Amino acid sequence: LGKTKSSFAELALREGDYRAAIGLFRQDILIGRELG
């Protein structure tokens, strides 16, 4: 699920929406921290 969040973030980057991408990457980071 975290990988998917980052992949959606990559789409946002392609569309030039950097703020949305940052928010999605941060969601993946939260999952990564939870799982170590």
Full PDB file with SEQRES, HELIX, SHEET, SSBOND, CRYST1, ORIGX, SCALE, CONECT and MASTER records, all heavy atoms in Angstrom:
SEQRES   1 A   36  LEU GLY LYS THR LYS SER SER PHE ALA GLU LEU ALA LEU          
SEQRES   2 A   36  ARG GLU GLY ASP TYR ARG ALA ALA ILE GLY LEU PHE ARG          
SEQRES   3 A   36  GLN ASP ILE LEU ILE GLY ARG GLU LEU GLY                      
HELIX    1 AA1 GLY A    2  ARG A   14  1                                  13    
HELIX    2 AA2 TYR A   18  LEU A   35  1                                  18    
CRYST1    1.000    1.000    1.000  90.00  90.00  90.00 P 1           1          
ORIGX1      1.000000  0.000000  0.000000        0.00000                         
ORIGX2      0.000000  1.000000  0.000000        0.00000                         
ORIGX3      0.000000  0.000000  1.000000        0.00000                         
SCALE1      1.000000  0.000000  0.000000        0.00000                         
SCALE2      0.000000  1.000000  0.000000        0.00000                         
SCALE3      0.000000  0.000000  1.000000        0.00000                         
ATOM      1  N   LEU A   1       0.840  -1.199   0.000  1.00  0.00           N  
ATOM      2  CA  LEU A   1       0.000   0.000   0.000  1.00  0.00           C  
ATOM      3  C   LEU A   1       0.875   1.250   0.000  1.00  0.00           C  
ATOM      4  O   LEU A   1       0.588   2.225  -0.707  1.00  0.00           O  
ATOM      5  CB  LEU A   1      -0.920   0.005   1.225  1.00  0.00           C  
ATOM      6  CG  LEU A   1      -1.867   1.197   1.355  1.00  0.00           C  
ATOM      7  CD1 LEU A   1      -2.789   1.298   0.139  1.00  0.00           C  
ATOM      8  CD2 LEU A   1      -2.686   1.099   2.639  1.00  0.00           C  
ATOM      9  N   GLY A   2       1.964   1.206   0.763  1.00  0.00           N  
ATOM     10  CA  GLY A   2       2.900   2.333   0.763  1.00  0.00           C  
ATOM     11  C   GLY A   2       3.508   2.554  -0.609  1.00  0.00           C  
ATOM     12  O   GLY A   2       3.617   3.695  -1.083  1.00  0.00           O  
ATOM     13  N   LYS A   3       3.923   1.468  -1.282  1.00  0.00           N  
ATOM     14  CA  LYS A   3       4.471   1.586  -2.634  1.00  0.00           C  
ATOM     15  C   LYS A   3       3.462   2.218  -3.576  1.00  0.00           C  
ATOM     16  O   LYS A   3       3.818   3.036  -4.436  1.00  0.00           O  
ATOM     17  CB  LYS A   3       4.857   0.202  -3.161  1.00  0.00           C  
ATOM     18  CG  LYS A   3       6.190  -0.320  -2.691  1.00  0.00           C  
ATOM     19  CD  LYS A   3       6.434  -1.746  -3.160  1.00  0.00           C  
ATOM     20  CE  LYS A   3       6.423  -1.884  -4.653  1.00  0.00           C  
ATOM     21  NZ  LYS A   3       6.742  -3.274  -5.096  1.00  0.00           N  
ATOM     22  N   THR A   4       2.196   1.861  -3.412  1.00  0.00           N  
ATOM     23  CA  THR A   4       1.156   2.431  -4.269  1.00  0.00           C  
ATOM     24  C   THR A   4       1.024   3.932  -4.037  1.00  0.00           C  
ATOM     25  O   THR A   4       0.851   4.710  -4.986  1.00  0.00           O  
ATOM     26  CB  THR A   4      -0.183   1.726  -4.023  1.00  0.00           C  
ATOM     27  OG1 THR A   4      -0.044   0.340  -4.333  1.00  0.00           O  
ATOM     28  CG2 THR A   4      -1.283   2.312  -4.886  1.00  0.00           C  
ATOM     29  N   LYS A   5       1.095   4.352  -2.767  1.00  0.00           N  
ATOM     30  CA  LYS A   5       1.033   5.787  -2.471  1.00  0.00           C  
ATOM     31  C   LYS A   5       2.152   6.521  -3.207  1.00  0.00           C  
ATOM     32  O   LYS A   5       1.943   7.598  -3.796  1.00  0.00           O  
ATOM     33  CB  LYS A   5       1.151   6.017  -0.970  1.00  0.00           C  
ATOM     34  CG  LYS A   5       0.008   5.444  -0.135  1.00  0.00           C  
ATOM     35  CD  LYS A   5      -1.306   6.128  -0.405  1.00  0.00           C  
ATOM     36  CE  LYS A   5      -2.406   5.597   0.517  1.00  0.00           C  
ATOM     37  NZ  LYS A   5      -3.723   6.159   0.180  1.00  0.00           N  
ATOM     38  N   SER A   6       3.367   5.947  -3.173  1.00  0.00           N  
ATOM     39  CA  SER A   6       4.488   6.585  -3.862  1.00  0.00           C  
ATOM     40  C   SER A   6       4.292   6.591  -5.372  1.00  0.00           C  
ATOM     41  O   SER A   6       4.701   7.533  -6.060  1.00  0.00           O  
ATOM     42  CB  SER A   6       5.800   5.877  -3.501  1.00  0.00           C  
ATOM     43  OG  SER A   6       6.259   6.293  -2.229  1.00  0.00           O  
ATOM     44  N   SER A   7       3.677   5.541  -5.908  1.00  0.00           N  
ATOM     45  CA  SER A   7       3.434   5.505  -7.353  1.00  0.00           C  
ATOM     46  C   SER A   7       2.392   6.551  -7.759  1.00  0.00           C  
ATOM     47  O   SER A   7       2.520   7.192  -8.808  1.00  0.00           O  
ATOM     48  CB  SER A   7       2.984   4.111  -7.779  1.00  0.00           C  
ATOM     49  OG  SER A   7       4.026   3.177  -7.601  1.00  0.00           O  
ATOM     50  N   PHE A   8       1.355   6.736  -6.946  1.00  0.00           N  
ATOM     51  CA  PHE A   8       0.418   7.830  -7.203  1.00  0.00           C  
ATOM     52  C   PHE A   8       1.150   9.185  -7.130  1.00  0.00           C  
ATOM     53  O   PHE A   8       0.848  10.113  -7.891  1.00  0.00           O  
ATOM     54  CB  PHE A   8      -0.725   7.809  -6.192  1.00  0.00           C  
ATOM     55  CG  PHE A   8      -1.863   6.895  -6.556  1.00  0.00           C  
ATOM     56  CD1 PHE A   8      -2.255   5.875  -5.705  1.00  0.00           C  
ATOM     57  CD2 PHE A   8      -2.560   7.048  -7.749  1.00  0.00           C  
ATOM     58  CE1 PHE A   8      -3.307   5.022  -6.027  1.00  0.00           C  
ATOM     59  CE2 PHE A   8      -3.613   6.206  -8.087  1.00  0.00           C  
ATOM     60  CZ  PHE A   8      -3.989   5.187  -7.220  1.00  0.00           C  
ATOM     61  N   ALA A   9       2.113   9.266  -6.211  1.00  0.00           N  
ATOM     62  CA  ALA A   9       2.908  10.497  -6.105  1.00  0.00           C  
ATOM     63  C   ALA A   9       3.703  10.750  -7.380  1.00  0.00           C  
ATOM     64  O   ALA A   9       3.848  11.900  -7.828  1.00  0.00           O  
ATOM     65  CB  ALA A   9       3.843  10.414  -4.903  1.00  0.00           C  
ATOM     66  N   GLU A  10       4.230   9.672  -7.999  1.00  0.00           N  
ATOM     67  CA  GLU A  10       4.966   9.818  -9.260  1.00  0.00           C  
ATOM     68  C   GLU A  10       4.064  10.384 -10.352  1.00  0.00           C  
ATOM     69  O   GLU A  10       4.495  11.198 -11.172  1.00  0.00           O  
ATOM     70  CB  GLU A  10       5.531   8.464  -9.691  1.00  0.00           C  
ATOM     71  CG  GLU A  10       6.589   7.880  -8.762  1.00  0.00           C  
ATOM     72  CD  GLU A  10       7.935   8.564  -8.887  1.00  0.00           C  
ATOM     73  OE1 GLU A  10       8.083   9.434  -9.774  1.00  0.00           O  
ATOM     74  OE2 GLU A  10       8.823   8.231  -8.100  1.00  0.00           O  
ATOM     75  N   LEU A  11       2.808   9.952 -10.367  1.00  0.00           N  
ATOM     76  CA  LEU A  11       1.865  10.521 -11.335  1.00  0.00           C  
ATOM     77  C   LEU A  11       1.661  12.010 -11.075  1.00  0.00           C  
ATOM     78  O   LEU A  11       1.588  12.808 -12.010  1.00  0.00           O  
ATOM     79  CB  LEU A  11       0.526   9.780 -11.276  1.00  0.00           C  
ATOM     80  CG  LEU A  11       0.488   8.327 -11.746  1.00  0.00           C  
ATOM     81  CD1 LEU A  11      -0.964   7.829 -11.742  1.00  0.00           C  
ATOM     82  CD2 LEU A  11       1.081   8.185 -13.134  1.00  0.00           C  
ATOM     83  N   ALA A  12       1.548  12.361  -9.798  1.00  0.00           N  
ATOM     84  CA  ALA A  12       1.379  13.783  -9.464  1.00  0.00           C  
ATOM     85  C   ALA A  12       2.583  14.596  -9.929  1.00  0.00           C  
ATOM     86  O   ALA A  12       2.435  15.727 -10.414  1.00  0.00           O  
ATOM     87  CB  ALA A  12       1.173  13.931  -7.956  1.00  0.00           C  
ATOM     88  N   LEU A  13       3.789  14.012  -9.814  1.00  0.00           N  
ATOM     89  CA  LEU A  13       4.983  14.707 -10.295  1.00  0.00           C  
ATOM     90  C   LEU A  13       4.901  14.928 -11.792  1.00  0.00           C  
ATOM     91  O   LEU A  13       5.262  16.003 -12.299  1.00  0.00           O  
ATOM     92  CB  LEU A  13       6.238  13.901  -9.958  1.00  0.00           C  
ATOM     93  CG  LEU A  13       6.670  13.841  -8.491  1.00  0.00           C  
ATOM     94  CD1 LEU A  13       7.916  12.987  -8.345  1.00  0.00           C  
ATOM     95  CD2 LEU A  13       6.929  15.242  -7.955  1.00  0.00           C  
ATOM     96  N   ARG A  14       4.464  13.908 -12.513  1.00  0.00           N  
ATOM     97  CA  ARG A  14       4.324  14.031 -13.968  1.00  0.00           C  
ATOM     98  C   ARG A  14       3.362  15.149 -14.338  1.00  0.00           C  
ATOM     99  O   ARG A  14       3.504  15.795 -15.386  1.00  0.00           O  
ATOM    100  CB  ARG A  14       3.824  12.713 -14.554  1.00  0.00           C  
ATOM    101  CG  ARG A  14       4.832  11.589 -14.499  1.00  0.00           C  
ATOM    102  CD  ARG A  14       5.680  11.599 -15.750  1.00  0.00           C  
ATOM    103  NE  ARG A  14       6.721  10.609 -15.707  1.00  0.00           N  
ATOM    104  CZ  ARG A  14       7.292  10.094 -16.778  1.00  0.00           C  
ATOM    105  NH1 ARG A  14       6.911  10.506 -17.979  1.00  0.00           N  
ATOM    106  NH2 ARG A  14       8.258   9.218 -16.681  1.00  0.00           N  
ATOM    107  N   GLU A  15       2.363  15.348 -13.488  1.00  0.00           N  
ATOM    108  CA  GLU A  15       1.356  16.381 -13.745  1.00  0.00           C  
ATOM    109  C   GLU A  15       1.764  17.730 -13.167  1.00  0.00           C  
ATOM    110  O   GLU A  15       1.019  18.708 -13.272  1.00  0.00           O  
ATOM    111  CB  GLU A  15       0.019  15.929 -13.155  1.00  0.00           C  
ATOM    112  CG  GLU A  15      -0.535  14.684 -13.866  1.00  0.00           C  
ATOM    113  CD  GLU A  15      -1.660  13.993 -13.089  1.00  0.00           C  
ATOM    114  OE1 GLU A  15      -1.819  14.290 -11.893  1.00  0.00           O  
ATOM    115  OE2 GLU A  15      -2.362  13.157 -13.680  1.00  0.00           O  
ATOM    116  N   GLY A  16       2.953  17.797 -12.561  1.00  0.00           N  
ATOM    117  CA  GLY A  16       3.471  19.051 -12.020  1.00  0.00           C  
ATOM    118  C   GLY A  16       2.872  19.464 -10.695  1.00  0.00           C  
ATOM    119  O   GLY A  16       3.074  20.603 -10.255  1.00  0.00           O  
ATOM    120  N   ASP A  17       2.178  18.554 -10.024  1.00  0.00           N  
ATOM    121  CA  ASP A  17       1.547  18.878  -8.739  1.00  0.00           C  
ATOM    122  C   ASP A  17       2.467  18.399  -7.616  1.00  0.00           C  
ATOM    123  O   ASP A  17       2.271  17.346  -7.013  1.00  0.00           O  
ATOM    124  CB  ASP A  17       0.181  18.200  -8.647  1.00  0.00           C  
ATOM    125  CG  ASP A  17      -0.644  18.729  -7.472  1.00  0.00           C  
ATOM    126  OD1 ASP A  17      -0.067  19.384  -6.590  1.00  0.00           O  
ATOM    127  OD2 ASP A  17      -1.863  18.456  -7.438  1.00  0.00           O  
ATOM    128  N   TYR A  18       3.496  19.203  -7.319  1.00  0.00           N  
ATOM    129  CA  TYR A  18       4.526  18.790  -6.370  1.00  0.00           C  
ATOM    130  C   TYR A  18       3.987  18.691  -4.942  1.00  0.00           C  
ATOM    131  O   TYR A  18       4.412  17.834  -4.164  1.00  0.00           O  
ATOM    132  CB  TYR A  18       5.717  19.749  -6.429  1.00  0.00           C  
ATOM    133  CG  TYR A  18       6.429  19.693  -7.764  1.00  0.00           C  
ATOM    134  CD1 TYR A  18       6.267  20.705  -8.711  1.00  0.00           C  
ATOM    135  CD2 TYR A  18       7.235  18.607  -8.084  1.00  0.00           C  
ATOM    136  CE1 TYR A  18       6.901  20.638  -9.940  1.00  0.00           C  
ATOM    137  CE2 TYR A  18       7.877  18.541  -9.308  1.00  0.00           C  
ATOM    138  CZ  TYR A  18       7.708  19.558 -10.236  1.00  0.00           C  
ATOM    139  OH  TYR A  18       8.327  19.488 -11.458  1.00  0.00           O  
ATOM    140  N   ARG A  19       3.065  19.563  -4.581  1.00  0.00           N  
ATOM    141  CA  ARG A  19       2.513  19.517  -3.223  1.00  0.00           C  
ATOM    142  C   ARG A  19       1.734  18.213  -3.000  1.00  0.00           C  
ATOM    143  O   ARG A  19       1.842  17.587  -1.941  1.00  0.00           O  
ATOM    144  CB  ARG A  19       1.619  20.728  -2.972  1.00  0.00           C  
ATOM    145  CG  ARG A  19       2.361  22.037  -2.790  1.00  0.00           C  
ATOM    146  CD  ARG A  19       3.265  21.972  -1.573  1.00  0.00           C  
ATOM    147  NE  ARG A  19       4.091  23.182  -1.451  1.00  0.00           N  
ATOM    148  CZ  ARG A  19       5.213  23.245  -0.767  1.00  0.00           C  
ATOM    149  NH1 ARG A  19       5.666  22.168  -0.135  1.00  0.00           N  
ATOM    150  NH2 ARG A  19       5.900  24.352  -0.705  1.00  0.00           N  
ATOM    151  N   ALA A  20       0.954  17.822  -3.997  1.00  0.00           N  
ATOM    152  CA  ALA A  20       0.223  16.557  -3.871  1.00  0.00           C  
ATOM    153  C   ALA A  20       1.201  15.393  -3.782  1.00  0.00           C  
ATOM    154  O   ALA A  20       1.001  14.457  -2.992  1.00  0.00           O  
ATOM    155  CB  ALA A  20      -0.711  16.371  -5.058  1.00  0.00           C  
ATOM    156  N   ALA A  21       2.265  15.452  -4.588  1.00  0.00           N  
ATOM    157  CA  ALA A  21       3.268  14.382  -4.562  1.00  0.00           C  
ATOM    158  C   ALA A  21       3.919  14.291  -3.187  1.00  0.00           C  
ATOM    159  O   ALA A  21       4.092  13.191  -2.636  1.00  0.00           O  
ATOM    160  CB  ALA A  21       4.317  14.633  -5.638  1.00  0.00           C  
ATOM    161  N   ILE A  22       4.271  15.439  -2.611  1.00  0.00           N  
ATOM    162  CA  ILE A  22       4.898  15.449  -1.285  1.00  0.00           C  
ATOM    163  C   ILE A  22       3.967  14.814  -0.255  1.00  0.00           C  
ATOM    164  O   ILE A  22       4.393  14.020   0.587  1.00  0.00           O  
ATOM    165  CB  ILE A  22       5.290  16.886  -0.892  1.00  0.00           C  
ATOM    166  CG1 ILE A  22       6.512  17.332  -1.706  1.00  0.00           C  
ATOM    167  CG2 ILE A  22       5.571  16.987   0.611  1.00  0.00           C  
ATOM    168  CD1 ILE A  22       6.859  18.798  -1.557  1.00  0.00           C  
ATOM    169  N   GLY A  23       2.686  15.140  -0.336  1.00  0.00           N  
ATOM    170  CA  GLY A  23       1.733  14.570   0.610  1.00  0.00           C  
ATOM    171  C   GLY A  23       1.639  13.054   0.491  1.00  0.00           C  
ATOM    172  O   GLY A  23       1.574  12.336   1.497  1.00  0.00           O  
ATOM    173  N   LEU A  24       1.664  12.534  -0.738  1.00  0.00           N  
ATOM    174  CA  LEU A  24       1.576  11.090  -0.954  1.00  0.00           C  
ATOM    175  C   LEU A  24       2.860  10.379  -0.516  1.00  0.00           C  
ATOM    176  O   LEU A  24       2.812   9.300   0.087  1.00  0.00           O  
ATOM    177  CB  LEU A  24       1.270  10.803  -2.421  1.00  0.00           C  
ATOM    178  CG  LEU A  24      -0.157  11.141  -2.858  1.00  0.00           C  
ATOM    179  CD1 LEU A  24      -0.263  11.272  -4.371  1.00  0.00           C  
ATOM    180  CD2 LEU A  24      -1.130  10.064  -2.359  1.00  0.00           C  
ATOM    181  N   PHE A  25       4.012  10.980  -0.819  1.00  0.00           N  
ATOM    182  CA  PHE A  25       5.275  10.386  -0.366  1.00  0.00           C  
ATOM    183  C   PHE A  25       5.318  10.333   1.171  1.00  0.00           C  
ATOM    184  O   PHE A  25       5.829   9.376   1.762  1.00  0.00           O  
ATOM    185  CB  PHE A  25       6.474  11.169  -0.889  1.00  0.00           C  
ATOM    186  CG  PHE A  25       6.796  10.915  -2.339  1.00  0.00           C  
ATOM    187  CD1 PHE A  25       6.948  11.976  -3.223  1.00  0.00           C  
ATOM    188  CD2 PHE A  25       6.944   9.617  -2.817  1.00  0.00           C  
ATOM    189  CE1 PHE A  25       7.250  11.748  -4.560  1.00  0.00           C  
ATOM    190  CE2 PHE A  25       7.241   9.378  -4.162  1.00  0.00           C  
ATOM    191  CZ  PHE A  25       7.389  10.458  -5.034  1.00  0.00           C  
ATOM    192  N   ARG A  26       4.768  11.358   1.804  1.00  0.00           N  
ATOM    193  CA  ARG A  26       4.752  11.362   3.270  1.00  0.00           C  
ATOM    194  C   ARG A  26       3.859  10.258   3.824  1.00  0.00           C  
ATOM    195  O   ARG A  26       4.142   9.686   4.883  1.00  0.00           O  
ATOM    196  CB  ARG A  26       4.311  12.734   3.784  1.00  0.00           C  
ATOM    197  CG  ARG A  26       5.421  13.786   3.677  1.00  0.00           C  
ATOM    198  CD  ARG A  26       4.949  15.150   4.121  1.00  0.00           C  
ATOM    199  NE  ARG A  26       6.039  16.120   4.103  1.00  0.00           N  
ATOM    200  CZ  ARG A  26       5.884  17.432   4.114  1.00  0.00           C  
ATOM    201  NH1 ARG A  26       4.651  17.942   4.142  1.00  0.00           N  
ATOM    202  NH2 ARG A  26       6.931  18.232   4.100  1.00  0.00           N  
ATOM    203  N   GLN A  27       2.768   9.939   3.111  1.00  0.00           N  
ATOM    204  CA  GLN A  27       1.928   8.817   3.544  1.00  0.00           C  
ATOM    205  C   GLN A  27       2.713   7.507   3.499  1.00  0.00           C  
ATOM    206  O   GLN A  27       2.600   6.670   4.404  1.00  0.00           O  
ATOM    207  CB  GLN A  27       0.685   8.717   2.654  1.00  0.00           C  
ATOM    208  CG  GLN A  27      -0.335   9.822   2.880  1.00  0.00           C  
ATOM    209  CD  GLN A  27      -1.563   9.637   2.004  1.00  0.00           C  
ATOM    210  OE1 GLN A  27      -2.078   8.534   1.877  1.00  0.00           O  
ATOM    211  NE2 GLN A  27      -2.030  10.724   1.399  1.00  0.00           N  
ATOM    212  N   ASP A  28       3.515   7.339   2.453  1.00  0.00           N  
ATOM    213  CA  ASP A  28       4.349   6.137   2.356  1.00  0.00           C  
ATOM    214  C   ASP A  28       5.386   6.118   3.475  1.00  0.00           C  
ATOM    215  O   ASP A  28       5.666   5.062   4.062  1.00  0.00           O  
ATOM    216  CB  ASP A  28       5.038   6.107   0.989  1.00  0.00           C  
ATOM    217  CG  ASP A  28       5.689   4.756   0.701  1.00  0.00           C  
ATOM    218  OD1 ASP A  28       5.581   3.835   1.538  1.00  0.00           O  
ATOM    219  OD2 ASP A  28       6.305   4.613  -0.372  1.00  0.00           O  
ATOM    220  N   ILE A  29       5.942   7.283   3.795  1.00  0.00           N  
ATOM    221  CA  ILE A  29       6.939   7.342   4.878  1.00  0.00           C  
ATOM    222  C   ILE A  29       6.319   6.926   6.208  1.00  0.00           C  
ATOM    223  O   ILE A  29       6.939   6.210   7.003  1.00  0.00           O  
ATOM    224  CB  ILE A  29       7.556   8.756   4.977  1.00  0.00           C  
ATOM    225  CG1 ILE A  29       8.687   8.882   3.967  1.00  0.00           C  
ATOM    226  CG2 ILE A  29       8.058   9.055   6.375  1.00  0.00           C  
ATOM    227  CD1 ILE A  29       9.533  10.114   4.111  1.00  0.00           C  
ATOM    228  N   LEU A  30       5.096   7.351   6.458  1.00  0.00           N  
ATOM    229  CA  LEU A  30       4.433   6.974   7.712  1.00  0.00           C  
ATOM    230  C   LEU A  30       4.281   5.459   7.810  1.00  0.00           C  
ATOM    231  O   LEU A  30       4.496   4.862   8.869  1.00  0.00           O  
ATOM    232  CB  LEU A  30       3.068   7.655   7.821  1.00  0.00           C  
ATOM    233  CG  LEU A  30       3.079   9.172   8.060  1.00  0.00           C  
ATOM    234  CD1 LEU A  30       1.661   9.722   8.017  1.00  0.00           C  
ATOM    235  CD2 LEU A  30       3.744   9.508   9.390  1.00  0.00           C  
ATOM    236  N   ILE A  31       3.922   4.829   6.688  1.00  0.00           N  
ATOM    237  CA  ILE A  31       3.799   3.369   6.677  1.00  0.00           C  
ATOM    238  C   ILE A  31       5.165   2.725   6.873  1.00  0.00           C  
ATOM    239  O   ILE A  31       5.323   1.767   7.639  1.00  0.00           O  
ATOM    240  CB  ILE A  31       3.157   2.890   5.358  1.00  0.00           C  
ATOM    241  CG1 ILE A  31       1.704   3.373   5.286  1.00  0.00           C  
ATOM    242  CG2 ILE A  31       3.215   1.362   5.239  1.00  0.00           C  
ATOM    243  CD1 ILE A  31       1.027   3.112   3.945  1.00  0.00           C  
ATOM    244  N   GLY A  32       6.182   3.261   6.202  1.00  0.00           N  
ATOM    245  CA  GLY A  32       7.534   2.720   6.336  1.00  0.00           C  
ATOM    246  C   GLY A  32       8.057   2.812   7.755  1.00  0.00           C  
ATOM    247  O   GLY A  32       8.694   1.885   8.261  1.00  0.00           O  
ATOM    248  N   ARG A  33       7.774   3.937   8.412  1.00  0.00           N  
ATOM    249  CA  ARG A  33       8.214   4.091   9.811  1.00  0.00           C  
ATOM    250  C   ARG A  33       7.489   3.107  10.720  1.00  0.00           C  
ATOM    251  O   ARG A  33       8.102   2.517  11.615  1.00  0.00           O  
ATOM    252  CB  ARG A  33       7.947   5.525  10.275  1.00  0.00           C  
ATOM    253  CG  ARG A  33       8.936   6.551   9.729  1.00  0.00           C  
ATOM    254  CD  ARG A  33       8.546   7.946  10.147  1.00  0.00           C  
ATOM    255  NE  ARG A  33       9.472   8.940   9.616  1.00  0.00           N  
ATOM    256  CZ  ARG A  33       9.206  10.234   9.541  1.00  0.00           C  
ATOM    257  NH1 ARG A  33       8.016  10.693   9.968  1.00  0.00           N  
ATOM    258  NH2 ARG A  33      10.097  11.073   9.038  1.00  0.00           N  
ATOM    259  N   GLU A  34       6.202   2.935  10.467  1.00  0.00           N  
ATOM    260  CA  GLU A  34       5.421   2.015  11.294  1.00  0.00           C  
ATOM    261  C   GLU A  34       5.953   0.585  11.184  1.00  0.00           C  
ATOM    262  O   GLU A  34       5.995  -0.157  12.171  1.00  0.00           O  
ATOM    263  CB  GLU A  34       3.954   2.056  10.863  1.00  0.00           C  
ATOM    264  CG  GLU A  34       3.045   1.158  11.683  1.00  0.00           C  
ATOM    265  CD  GLU A  34       1.594   1.222  11.206  1.00  0.00           C  
ATOM    266  OE1 GLU A  34       1.253   2.158  10.453  1.00  0.00           O  
ATOM    267  OE2 GLU A  34       0.823   0.334  11.584  1.00  0.00           O  
ATOM    268  N   LEU A  35       6.398   0.214   9.975  1.00  0.00           N  
ATOM    269  CA  LEU A  35       6.873  -1.141   9.741  1.00  0.00           C  
ATOM    270  C   LEU A  35       8.383  -1.283   9.913  1.00  0.00           C  
ATOM    271  O   LEU A  35       8.918  -2.389   9.843  1.00  0.00           O  
ATOM    272  CB  LEU A  35       6.483  -1.590   8.321  1.00  0.00           C  
ATOM    273  CG  LEU A  35       4.985  -1.631   8.014  1.00  0.00           C  
ATOM    274  CD1 LEU A  35       4.759  -1.958   6.549  1.00  0.00           C  
ATOM    275  CD2 LEU A  35       4.289  -2.662   8.903  1.00  0.00           C  
ATOM    276  N   GLY A  36       9.066  -0.161  10.132  1.00  0.00           N  
ATOM    277  CA  GLY A  36      10.519  -0.205  10.250  1.00  0.00           C  
ATOM    278  C   GLY A  36      11.203  -0.589   8.948  1.00  0.00           C  
ATOM    279  O   GLY A  36      12.246  -1.260   8.958  1.00  0.00           O  
TER     280      GLY A  36                                                      
MASTER        0    0    0    2    0    0    0    6  279    1    0    3          
END                                                                             
